[in-house]
Protein backbone atom coordinates (compact mmCIF):
# COMPACT_ATOMS: atom_id res chain seq x y z
CA MET A 1 -0.05 0.03 0.00
CA GLY A 2 1.42 3.37 -1.05
CA ALA A 3 1.89 6.19 1.62
CA LEU A 4 -0.80 8.34 0.20
CA THR A 5 -3.19 5.43 0.09
CA ALA A 6 -2.27 4.54 3.73
CA VAL A 7 -2.99 8.14 4.88
CA GLY A 8 -6.34 8.07 2.98
CA VAL A 9 -7.28 4.82 4.76
CA LEU A 10 -6.19 6.14 8.13
CA VAL A 11 -8.11 9.38 7.70
CA SER A 12 -11.26 7.79 6.36
CA GLY A 13 -11.06 5.19 9.21
CA CYS A 14 -11.08 8.09 11.64
CA GLY A 15 -14.26 9.50 10.15
CA MET A 16 -12.42 12.44 8.63
CA LYS A 17 -12.38 13.53 4.91
CA LEU A 18 -9.36 14.78 2.97
CA LYS A 19 -9.87 18.23 1.64
CA LYS A 20 -10.75 18.15 -2.06
CA ASP A 21 -9.51 20.64 -4.69
CA PRO A 22 -12.27 23.10 -5.73
CA VAL A 23 -14.34 22.13 -8.76
CA PHE A 24 -14.54 25.03 -11.27
CA TYR A 25 -17.56 24.88 -13.46
CA THR A 26 -17.02 26.14 -17.04
CA ASP A 27 -20.62 26.41 -18.28
CA PRO A 28 -21.71 29.97 -18.09
CA CYS A 29 -24.54 31.03 -15.87
CA GLU A 30 -27.52 31.48 -18.04
CA GLN A 31 -29.82 33.60 -15.85
CA GLU A 32 -29.41 37.27 -16.07
CA PRO A 33 -28.41 39.15 -12.92
CA GLY A 34 -31.26 40.30 -10.83
CA PRO A 35 -32.84 40.07 -7.35
CA GLY A 36 -33.30 36.50 -6.28
CA VAL A 37 -31.36 35.05 -9.17
CA GLU A 38 -30.46 31.35 -8.77
CA TRP A 39 -27.00 30.50 -10.08
CA ALA A 40 -25.60 26.97 -9.43
CA LYS A 41 -22.78 24.97 -10.85
CA CYS A 42 -21.80 27.50 -13.39
CA SER A 43 -19.12 30.08 -14.24
CA LEU A 44 -19.07 33.94 -13.98
CA LYS A 45 -15.26 34.12 -14.11
CA GLY A 46 -14.19 37.60 -15.07
CA ALA A 47 -17.88 38.77 -15.28
CA ASP A 48 -18.78 42.46 -15.06
CA LEU A 49 -21.38 42.47 -12.26
CA ALA A 50 -20.61 46.07 -11.11
CA GLY A 51 -23.71 47.57 -9.67
CA ALA A 52 -25.77 44.38 -10.01
CA ASN A 53 -28.83 43.98 -7.69
CA LEU A 54 -28.34 40.41 -6.47
CA LYS A 55 -30.42 40.87 -3.32
CA GLY A 56 -31.52 37.57 -1.97
CA ALA A 57 -29.72 35.64 -4.71
CA LEU A 58 -28.94 31.91 -4.36
CA ILE A 59 -25.33 31.57 -5.57
CA HIS A 60 -23.88 28.04 -5.13
CA ASN A 61 -20.88 26.24 -6.63
CA VAL A 62 -20.14 29.35 -8.87
CA ASP A 63 -16.77 30.40 -10.27
CA LEU A 64 -16.54 34.11 -9.64
CA ARG A 65 -12.72 34.50 -9.95
CA ASP A 66 -11.64 37.79 -11.29
CA ALA A 67 -15.21 39.12 -11.41
CA ASP A 68 -16.03 42.81 -10.88
CA LEU A 69 -18.70 43.02 -8.09
CA THR A 70 -18.02 46.73 -7.48
CA ASP A 71 -21.10 48.30 -5.69
CA ALA A 72 -23.13 45.01 -6.14
CA ASN A 73 -25.98 44.38 -3.80
CA LEU A 74 -25.59 40.99 -2.37
CA ARG A 75 -27.66 41.68 0.73
CA GLY A 76 -29.34 38.56 2.19
CA ALA A 77 -27.79 36.30 -0.59
CA ASP A 78 -27.21 32.62 0.05
CA ILE A 79 -23.67 31.98 -1.11
CA ALA A 80 -22.07 28.64 -0.83
CA ASN A 81 -18.85 27.10 -2.36
CA VAL A 82 -18.18 30.16 -4.44
CA TYR A 83 -14.70 30.74 -5.59
CA ALA A 84 -14.04 34.57 -5.78
CA ASP A 85 -10.27 34.73 -5.74
CA ASP A 86 -9.11 38.12 -7.24
CA ALA A 87 -12.73 39.40 -7.36
CA ILE A 88 -13.20 43.15 -6.85
CA LEU A 89 -15.82 43.77 -4.14
CA PHE A 90 -15.31 47.46 -3.65
CA GLY A 91 -18.52 49.01 -2.10
CA ALA A 92 -20.37 45.67 -2.32
CA ASP A 93 -23.19 45.06 0.21
CA LEU A 94 -22.95 41.59 1.77
CA ARG A 95 -24.99 42.52 4.92
CA ASP A 96 -27.13 39.62 6.09
CA ALA A 97 -25.70 37.24 3.38
CA SER A 98 -25.02 33.61 4.34
CA ILE A 99 -21.56 32.65 3.10
CA ASN A 100 -20.34 29.07 3.41
CA GLY A 101 -17.38 27.27 1.82
CA GLY A 102 -15.40 28.48 -1.15
CA THR A 103 -12.50 31.08 -1.19
CA ILE A 104 -12.09 34.65 -1.49
CA GLN A 105 -8.28 34.69 -1.43
CA LYS A 106 -6.78 37.92 -2.71
CA ALA A 107 -10.24 39.43 -3.28
CA LYS A 108 -10.18 43.22 -3.15
CA PHE A 109 -12.22 44.92 -0.40
CA CYS A 110 -12.83 48.69 0.15
CA GLY A 111 -16.05 49.91 1.73
CA THR A 112 -17.36 46.53 1.48
CA GLN A 113 -20.33 45.86 3.90
CA MET A 114 -19.73 42.46 5.37
CA PRO A 115 -22.42 40.02 6.54
CA ALA A 116 -22.07 40.99 10.20
CA GLY A 117 -22.44 44.59 9.38
CA ASN A 118 -18.76 45.57 9.71
CA THR A 119 -16.89 47.28 6.77
CA ALA A 120 -13.87 45.78 5.12
CA ASP A 121 -11.38 48.29 3.88
CA GLY A 122 -8.22 46.14 3.34
CA ASP A 123 -7.50 47.48 -0.16
CA CYS A 124 -8.53 51.03 0.00
């Protein structure tokens, strides 16, 4: 048994799961941006969503890497397993949003209203 296989058996025997690499979907999200939009298992990589009203949107398993969400309204959105590395979130409103899983490494924040109501200004 190889070392990696042995580790996998040991970890699964303890009831733990190995972290998987993210899955990036390549099919474009077909629904137009708007309040309550439902995007799942699709890509908006590099999309221009500046000023979009996505209030109450359901956004699951979506690739938002390099997307521009400047001044986007994501208030109350249900966001899960979204990959938004290098996305621009200047002035975005994420208050009351539910965010679970995914990554936002290297995303840009300035005047961004976060889910708890605080403001993120790390890139001003």
